[in-house]
Amino acid sequence: MIRIKPKITSDEATEAKLLKQLKDGSYEAFATVYRRYSPRVYRTVSYLLGNEDMAEDIVQDLFLTIWERRENIDPDKISKDM
């Protein structure tokens, strides 16, 4: 069976470029990812826990882990749900 890879949209290409820069250690790329995704992550965690202080700590820990493990990022595996 032949699998046809779906076309990559310009948003996905931009996201892939950003993630590659993050993987390569760009602080600016990390800051962009943080600004882009931390509010949504915070709202979700805060809603699930019902505790804003714990949500802040979890979000900080999450993004610290992303930075520490950035070399494991695969920019080619971008979810369309991002």
PDB file of N, CA and C in Angstrom:
ATOM      1  N   MET A   1       0.838  -1.173   0.000  1.00  0.00           N
ATOM      2  CA  MET A   1       0.000   0.000   0.000  1.00  0.00           C
ATOM      3  C   MET A   1       0.886   1.240   0.000  1.00  0.00           C
ATOM      4  N   ILE A   2       0.557   2.169  -0.849  1.00  0.00           N
ATOM      5  CA  ILE A   2       1.316   3.414  -0.937  1.00  0.00           C
ATOM      6  C   ILE A   2       0.613   4.460  -0.101  1.00  0.00           C
ATOM      7  N   ARG A   3       1.381   5.089   0.762  1.00  0.00           N
ATOM      8  CA  ARG A   3       0.830   6.182   1.568  1.00  0.00           C
ATOM      9  C   ARG A   3       1.239   7.499   0.963  1.00  0.00           C
ATOM     10  N   ILE A   4       0.292   8.353   0.792  1.00  0.00           N
ATOM     11  CA  ILE A   4       0.565   9.676   0.260  1.00  0.00           C
ATOM     12  C   ILE A   4       0.563  10.650   1.425  1.00  0.00           C
ATOM     13  N   LYS A   5       1.679  11.304   1.585  1.00  0.00           N
ATOM     14  CA  LYS A   5       1.809  12.286   2.658  1.00  0.00           C
ATOM     15  C   LYS A   5       0.996  13.526   2.307  1.00  0.00           C
ATOM     16  N   PRO A   6       0.153  13.995   3.234  1.00  0.00           N
ATOM     17  CA  PRO A   6      -0.634  15.185   2.937  1.00  0.00           C
ATOM     18  C   PRO A   6       0.265  16.397   2.724  1.00  0.00           C
ATOM     19  N   LYS A   7      -0.217  17.323   1.914  1.00  0.00           N
ATOM     20  CA  LYS A   7       0.534  18.544   1.678  1.00  0.00           C
ATOM     21  C   LYS A   7       0.708  19.306   2.986  1.00  0.00           C
ATOM     22  N   ILE A   8       1.865  19.903   3.125  1.00  0.00           N
ATOM     23  CA  ILE A   8       2.139  20.713   4.316  1.00  0.00           C
ATOM     24  C   ILE A   8       1.654  22.129   4.032  1.00  0.00           C
ATOM     25  N   THR A   9       0.848  22.660   4.936  1.00  0.00           N
ATOM     26  CA  THR A   9       0.361  24.028   4.778  1.00  0.00           C
ATOM     27  C   THR A   9       1.464  25.005   5.161  1.00  0.00           C
ATOM     28  N   SER A  10       1.285  26.264   4.804  1.00  0.00           N
ATOM     29  CA  SER A  10       2.300  27.266   5.135  1.00  0.00           C
ATOM     30  C   SER A  10       2.413  27.437   6.652  1.00  0.00           C
ATOM     31  N   ASP A  11       1.306  27.292   7.370  1.00  0.00           N
ATOM     32  CA  ASP A  11       1.351  27.369   8.834  1.00  0.00           C
ATOM     33  C   ASP A  11       2.197  26.242   9.405  1.00  0.00           C
ATOM     34  N   GLU A  12       2.031  25.040   8.856  1.00  0.00           N
ATOM     35  CA  GLU A  12       2.806  23.892   9.322  1.00  0.00           C
ATOM     36  C   GLU A  12       4.277  24.064   8.976  1.00  0.00           C
ATOM     37  N   ALA A  13       4.572  24.625   7.808  1.00  0.00           N
ATOM     38  CA  ALA A  13       5.959  24.856   7.412  1.00  0.00           C
ATOM     39  C   ALA A  13       6.601  25.872   8.351  1.00  0.00           C
ATOM     40  N   THR A  14       5.860  26.914   8.699  1.00  0.00           N
ATOM     41  CA  THR A  14       6.358  27.920   9.631  1.00  0.00           C
ATOM     42  C   THR A  14       6.587  27.299  11.005  1.00  0.00           C
ATOM     43  N   GLU A  15       5.658  26.460  11.427  1.00  0.00           N
ATOM     44  CA  GLU A  15       5.779  25.783  12.724  1.00  0.00           C
ATOM     45  C   GLU A  15       6.985  24.846  12.720  1.00  0.00           C
ATOM     46  N   ALA A  16       7.187  24.123  11.619  1.00  0.00           N
ATOM     47  CA  ALA A  16       8.327  23.217  11.506  1.00  0.00           C
ATOM     48  C   ALA A  16       9.635  23.994  11.591  1.00  0.00           C
ATOM     49  N   LYS A  17       9.687  25.145  10.936  1.00  0.00           N
ATOM     50  CA  LYS A  17      10.889  25.986  10.982  1.00  0.00           C
ATOM     51  C   LYS A  17      11.149  26.469  12.415  1.00  0.00           C
ATOM     52  N   LEU A  18      10.085  26.889  13.088  1.00  0.00           N
ATOM     53  CA  LEU A  18      10.207  27.337  14.468  1.00  0.00           C
ATOM     54  C   LEU A  18      10.717  26.204  15.365  1.00  0.00           C
ATOM     55  N   LEU A  19      10.158  25.018  15.200  1.00  0.00           N
ATOM     56  CA  LEU A  19      10.575  23.882  16.020  1.00  0.00           C
ATOM     57  C   LEU A  19      12.010  23.461  15.713  1.00  0.00           C
ATOM     58  N   LYS A  20      12.433  23.593  14.458  1.00  0.00           N
ATOM     59  CA  LYS A  20      13.826  23.292  14.118  1.00  0.00           C
ATOM     60  C   LYS A  20      14.757  24.277  14.813  1.00  0.00           C
ATOM     61  N   GLN A  21      14.377  25.546  14.809  1.00  0.00           N
ATOM     62  CA  GLN A  21      15.187  26.555  15.488  1.00  0.00           C
ATOM     63  C   GLN A  21      15.256  26.275  16.986  1.00  0.00           C
ATOM     64  N   LEU A  22      14.119  25.879  17.562  1.00  0.00           N
ATOM     65  CA  LEU A  22      14.089  25.518  18.979  1.00  0.00           C
ATOM     66  C   LEU A  22      15.012  24.333  19.236  1.00  0.00           C
ATOM     67  N   LYS A  23      14.913  23.333  18.403  1.00  0.00           N
ATOM     68  CA  LYS A  23      15.765  22.145  18.537  1.00  0.00           C
ATOM     69  C   LYS A  23      17.243  22.528  18.480  1.00  0.00           C
ATOM     70  N   ASP A  24      17.563  23.511  17.646  1.00  0.00           N
ATOM     71  CA  ASP A  24      18.946  23.963  17.492  1.00  0.00           C
ATOM     72  C   ASP A  24      19.401  24.895  18.621  1.00  0.00           C
ATOM     73  N   GLY A  25      18.501  25.187  19.575  1.00  0.00           N
ATOM     74  CA  GLY A  25      18.884  25.971  20.752  1.00  0.00           C
ATOM     75  C   GLY A  25      18.571  27.450  20.702  1.00  0.00           C
ATOM     76  N   SER A  26      17.692  27.863  19.809  1.00  0.00           N
ATOM     77  CA  SER A  26      17.345  29.276  19.698  1.00  0.00           C
ATOM     78  C   SER A  26      16.447  29.717  20.862  1.00  0.00           C
ATOM     79  N   TYR A  27      16.951  30.681  21.642  1.00  0.00           N
ATOM     80  CA  TYR A  27      16.159  31.238  22.745  1.00  0.00           C
ATOM     81  C   TYR A  27      14.937  31.977  22.209  1.00  0.00           C
ATOM     82  N   GLU A  28      15.107  32.646  21.061  1.00  0.00           N
ATOM     83  CA  GLU A  28      13.997  33.387  20.466  1.00  0.00           C
ATOM     84  C   GLU A  28      12.879  32.439  20.040  1.00  0.00           C
ATOM     85  N   ALA A  29      13.250  31.302  19.482  1.00  0.00           N
ATOM     86  CA  ALA A  29      12.240  30.316  19.083  1.00  0.00           C
ATOM     87  C   ALA A  29      11.518  29.774  20.312  1.00  0.00           C
ATOM     88  N   PHE A  30      12.274  29.509  21.371  1.00  0.00           N
ATOM     89  CA  PHE A  30      11.646  29.026  22.604  1.00  0.00           C
ATOM     90  C   PHE A  30      10.676  30.067  23.153  1.00  0.00           C
ATOM     91  N   ALA A  31      11.091  31.326  23.154  1.00  0.00           N
ATOM     92  CA  ALA A  31      10.218  32.395  23.657  1.00  0.00           C
ATOM     93  C   ALA A  31       8.942  32.482  22.824  1.00  0.00           C
ATOM     94  N   THR A  32       9.071  32.297  21.516  1.00  0.00           N
ATOM     95  CA  THR A  32       7.897  32.320  20.640  1.00  0.00           C
ATOM     96  C   THR A  32       6.962  31.162  20.956  1.00  0.00           C
ATOM     97  N   VAL A  33       7.520  29.979  21.113  1.00  0.00           N
ATOM     98  CA  VAL A  33       6.712  28.806  21.462  1.00  0.00           C
ATOM     99  C   VAL A  33       6.030  29.042  22.807  1.00  0.00           C
ATOM    100  N   TYR A  34       6.755  29.570  23.770  1.00  0.00           N
ATOM    101  CA  TYR A  34       6.188  29.829  25.098  1.00  0.00           C
ATOM    102  C   TYR A  34       5.031  30.820  25.008  1.00  0.00           C
ATOM    103  N   ARG A  35       5.262  31.942  24.323  1.00  0.00           N
ATOM    104  CA  ARG A  35       4.204  32.959  24.198  1.00  0.00           C
ATOM    105  C   ARG A  35       2.990  32.413  23.448  1.00  0.00           C
ATOM    106  N   ARG A  36       3.232  31.572  22.464  1.00  0.00           N
ATOM    107  CA  ARG A  36       2.156  31.045  21.630  1.00  0.00           C
ATOM    108  C   ARG A  36       1.301  30.012  22.364  1.00  0.00           C
ATOM    109  N   TYR A  37       1.928  29.147  23.142  1.00  0.00           N
ATOM    110  CA  TYR A  37       1.211  28.002  23.702  1.00  0.00           C
ATOM    111  C   TYR A  37       0.967  28.040  25.204  1.00  0.00           C
ATOM    112  N   SER A  38       1.745  28.795  25.957  1.00  0.00           N
ATOM    113  CA  SER A  38       1.581  28.750  27.418  1.00  0.00           C
ATOM    114  C   SER A  38       0.211  29.235  27.905  1.00  0.00           C
ATOM    115  N   PRO A  39      -0.392  30.259  27.298  1.00  0.00           N
ATOM    116  CA  PRO A  39      -1.717  30.661  27.792  1.00  0.00           C
ATOM    117  C   PRO A  39      -2.759  29.546  27.673  1.00  0.00           C
ATOM    118  N   ARG A  40      -2.751  28.843  26.534  1.00  0.00           N
ATOM    119  CA  ARG A  40      -3.724  27.767  26.336  1.00  0.00           C
ATOM    120  C   ARG A  40      -3.444  26.603  27.285  1.00  0.00           C
ATOM    121  N   VAL A  41      -2.171  26.259  27.465  1.00  0.00           N
ATOM    122  CA  VAL A  41      -1.802  25.182  28.384  1.00  0.00           C
ATOM    123  C   VAL A  41      -2.199  25.571  29.809  1.00  0.00           C
ATOM    124  N   TYR A  42      -1.915  26.820  30.175  1.00  0.00           N
ATOM    125  CA  TYR A  42      -2.254  27.291  31.519  1.00  0.00           C
ATOM    126  C   TYR A  42      -3.768  27.207  31.766  1.00  0.00           C
ATOM    127  N   ARG A  43      -4.549  27.697  30.823  1.00  0.00           N
ATOM    128  CA  ARG A  43      -6.011  27.660  30.994  1.00  0.00           C
ATOM    129  C   ARG A  43      -6.509  26.230  31.168  1.00  0.00           C
ATOM    130  N   THR A  44      -5.976  25.329  30.370  1.00  0.00           N
ATOM    131  CA  THR A  44      -6.406  23.929  30.446  1.00  0.00           C
ATOM    132  C   THR A  44      -6.035  23.310  31.783  1.00  0.00           C
ATOM    133  N   VAL A  45      -4.786  23.496  32.199  1.00  0.00           N
ATOM    134  CA  VAL A  45      -4.325  22.910  33.463  1.00  0.00           C
ATOM    135  C   VAL A  45      -5.066  23.540  34.639  1.00  0.00           C
ATOM    136  N   SER A  46      -5.254  24.847  34.595  1.00  0.00           N
ATOM    137  CA  SER A  46      -5.966  25.542  35.667  1.00  0.00           C
ATOM    138  C   SER A  46      -7.408  25.038  35.780  1.00  0.00           C
ATOM    139  N   TYR A  47      -8.055  24.845  34.645  1.00  0.00           N
ATOM    140  CA  TYR A  47      -9.415  24.332  34.631  1.00  0.00           C
ATOM    141  C   TYR A  47      -9.466  22.919  35.222  1.00  0.00           C
ATOM    142  N   LEU A  48      -8.531  22.071  34.790  1.00  0.00           N
ATOM    143  CA  LEU A  48      -8.531  20.686  35.255  1.00  0.00           C
ATOM    144  C   LEU A  48      -8.237  20.576  36.750  1.00  0.00           C
ATOM    145  N   LEU A  49      -7.328  21.411  37.244  1.00  0.00           N
ATOM    146  CA  LEU A  49      -6.936  21.324  38.653  1.00  0.00           C
ATOM    147  C   LEU A  49      -7.780  22.208  39.566  1.00  0.00           C
ATOM    148  N   GLY A  50      -8.318  23.276  39.006  1.00  0.00           N
ATOM    149  CA  GLY A  50      -9.048  24.229  39.833  1.00  0.00           C
ATOM    150  C   GLY A  50      -8.128  24.985  40.777  1.00  0.00           C
ATOM    151  N   ASN A  51      -6.848  25.095  40.389  1.00  0.00           N
ATOM    152  CA  ASN A  51      -5.869  25.753  41.252  1.00  0.00           C
ATOM    153  C   ASN A  51      -4.878  26.510  40.377  1.00  0.00           C
ATOM    154  N   GLU A  52      -4.955  27.838  40.407  1.00  0.00           N
ATOM    155  CA  GLU A  52      -4.117  28.664  39.534  1.00  0.00           C
ATOM    156  C   GLU A  52      -2.633  28.578  39.878  1.00  0.00           C
ATOM    157  N   ASP A  53      -2.301  28.519  41.167  1.00  0.00           N
ATOM    158  CA  ASP A  53      -0.893  28.446  41.568  1.00  0.00           C
ATOM    159  C   ASP A  53      -0.249  27.151  41.087  1.00  0.00           C
ATOM    160  N   MET A  54      -0.944  26.049  41.271  1.00  0.00           N
ATOM    161  CA  MET A  54      -0.419  24.769  40.798  1.00  0.00           C
ATOM    162  C   MET A  54      -0.309  24.762  39.273  1.00  0.00           C
ATOM    163  N   ALA A  55      -1.270  25.363  38.606  1.00  0.00           N
ATOM    164  CA  ALA A  55      -1.248  25.426  37.145  1.00  0.00           C
ATOM    165  C   ALA A  55      -0.020  26.200  36.665  1.00  0.00           C
ATOM    166  N   GLU A  56       0.290  27.321  37.320  1.00  0.00           N
ATOM    167  CA  GLU A  56       1.482  28.095  36.966  1.00  0.00           C
ATOM    168  C   GLU A  56       2.738  27.252  37.105  1.00  0.00           C
ATOM    169  N   ASP A  57       2.844  26.553  38.219  1.00  0.00           N
ATOM    170  CA  ASP A  57       4.026  25.702  38.455  1.00  0.00           C
ATOM    171  C   ASP A  57       4.145  24.606  37.404  1.00  0.00           C
ATOM    172  N   ILE A  58       3.044  23.987  37.073  1.00  0.00           N
ATOM    173  CA  ILE A  58       3.063  22.903  36.089  1.00  0.00           C
ATOM    174  C   ILE A  58       3.456  23.426  34.711  1.00  0.00           C
ATOM    175  N   VAL A  59       2.916  24.565  34.328  1.00  0.00           N
ATOM    176  CA  VAL A  59       3.251  25.139  33.024  1.00  0.00           C
ATOM    177  C   VAL A  59       4.732  25.499  32.967  1.00  0.00           C
ATOM    178  N   GLN A  60       5.246  26.086  34.034  1.00  0.00           N
ATOM    179  CA  GLN A  60       6.675  26.416  34.079  1.00  0.00           C
ATOM    180  C   GLN A  60       7.523  25.151  33.972  1.00  0.00           C
ATOM    181  N   ASP A  61       7.154  24.128  34.712  1.00  0.00           N
ATOM    182  CA  ASP A  61       7.893  22.860  34.661  1.00  0.00           C
ATOM    183  C   ASP A  61       7.832  22.244  33.263  1.00  0.00           C
ATOM    184  N   LEU A  62       6.665  22.302  32.649  1.00  0.00           N
ATOM    185  CA  LEU A  62       6.495  21.748  31.310  1.00  0.00           C
ATOM    186  C   LEU A  62       7.425  22.433  30.313  1.00  0.00           C
ATOM    187  N   PHE A  63       7.423  23.762  30.310  1.00  0.00           N
ATOM    188  CA  PHE A  63       8.248  24.469  29.341  1.00  0.00           C
ATOM    189  C   PHE A  63       9.740  24.362  29.664  1.00  0.00           C
ATOM    190  N   LEU A  64      10.078  24.233  30.919  1.00  0.00           N
ATOM    191  CA  LEU A  64      11.473  23.962  31.277  1.00  0.00           C
ATOM    192  C   LEU A  64      11.894  22.605  30.710  1.00  0.00           C
ATOM    193  N   THR A  65      11.033  21.617  30.826  1.00  0.00           N
ATOM    194  CA  THR A  65      11.315  20.286  30.282  1.00  0.00           C
ATOM    195  C   THR A  65      11.442  20.335  28.760  1.00  0.00           C
ATOM    196  N   ILE A  66      10.582  21.111  28.114  1.00  0.00           N
ATOM    197  CA  ILE A  66      10.688  21.266  26.657  1.00  0.00           C
ATOM    198  C   ILE A  66      12.059  21.823  26.295  1.00  0.00           C
ATOM    199  N   TRP A  67      12.508  22.843  27.031  1.00  0.00           N
ATOM    200  CA  TRP A  67      13.816  23.424  26.746  1.00  0.00           C
ATOM    201  C   TRP A  67      14.941  22.414  26.997  1.00  0.00           C
ATOM    202  N   GLU A  68      14.853  21.714  28.093  1.00  0.00           N
ATOM    203  CA  GLU A  68      15.906  20.757  28.446  1.00  0.00           C
ATOM    204  C   GLU A  68      15.980  19.584  27.471  1.00  0.00           C
ATOM    205  N   ARG A  69      14.854  19.229  26.882  1.00  0.00           N
ATOM    206  CA  ARG A  69      14.805  18.074  25.972  1.00  0.00           C
ATOM    207  C   ARG A  69      14.604  18.481  24.515  1.00  0.00           C
ATOM    208  N   ARG A  70      14.929  19.711  24.204  1.00  0.00           N
ATOM    209  CA  ARG A  70      14.680  20.243  22.863  1.00  0.00           C
ATOM    210  C   ARG A  70      15.356  19.438  21.761  1.00  0.00           C
ATOM    211  N   GLU A  71      16.478  18.789  22.068  1.00  0.00           N
ATOM    212  CA  GLU A  71      17.183  18.017  21.033  1.00  0.00           C
ATOM    213  C   GLU A  71      16.374  16.814  20.559  1.00  0.00           C
ATOM    214  N   ASN A  72      15.334  16.438  21.306  1.00  0.00           N
ATOM    215  CA  ASN A  72      14.474  15.318  20.930  1.00  0.00           C
ATOM    216  C   ASN A  72      13.288  15.728  20.048  1.00  0.00           C
ATOM    217  N   ILE A  73      13.149  17.009  19.800  1.00  0.00           N
ATOM    218  CA  ILE A  73      12.034  17.502  18.994  1.00  0.00           C
ATOM    219  C   ILE A  73      12.211  17.052  17.550  1.00  0.00           C
ATOM    220  N   ASP A  74      11.119  16.577  16.947  1.00  0.00           N
ATOM    221  CA  ASP A  74      11.127  16.192  15.543  1.00  0.00           C
ATOM    222  C   ASP A  74      10.203  17.142  14.789  1.00  0.00           C
ATOM    223  N   PRO A  75      10.762  18.178  14.167  1.00  0.00           N
ATOM    224  CA  PRO A  75       9.932  19.184  13.473  1.00  0.00           C
ATOM    225  C   PRO A  75       9.081  18.596  12.349  1.00  0.00           C
ATOM    226  N   ASP A  76       9.441  17.424  11.856  1.00  0.00           N
ATOM    227  CA  ASP A  76       8.681  16.815  10.765  1.00  0.00           C
ATOM    228  C   ASP A  76       7.374  16.178  11.240  1.00  0.00           C
ATOM    229  N   LYS A  77       7.207  16.038  12.539  1.00  0.00           N
ATOM    230  CA  LYS A  77       5.998  15.432  13.086  1.00  0.00           C
ATOM    231  C   LYS A  77       5.119  16.500  13.716  1.00  0.00           C
ATOM    232  N   ILE A  78       4.552  17.312  12.894  1.00  0.00           N
ATOM    233  CA  ILE A  78       3.711  18.412  13.374  1.00  0.00           C
ATOM    234  C   ILE A  78       2.260  18.006  13.285  1.00  0.00           C
ATOM    235  N   SER A  79       1.560  18.194  14.399  1.00  0.00           N
ATOM    236  CA  SER A  79       0.134  17.900  14.423  1.00  0.00           C
ATOM    237  C   SER A  79      -0.630  19.083  13.855  1.00  0.00           C
ATOM    238  N   LYS A  80      -1.649  18.806  13.079  1.00  0.00           N
ATOM    239  CA  LYS A  80      -2.473  19.881  12.522  1.00  0.00           C
ATOM    240  C   LYS A  80      -3.333  20.534  13.586  1.00  0.00           C
ATOM    241  N   ASP A  81      -3.373  19.958  14.791  1.00  0.00           N
ATOM    242  CA  ASP A  81      -4.185  20.503  15.872  1.00  0.00           C
ATOM    243  C   ASP A  81      -3.450  21.584  16.650  1.00  0.00           C
ATOM    244  N   MET A  82      -2.220  21.872  16.342  1.00  0.00           N
ATOM    245  CA  MET A  82      -1.426  22.820  17.114  1.00  0.00           C
ATOM    246  C   MET A  82      -1.954  24.190  17.004  1.00  0.00           C
TER     247      MET A  82
END
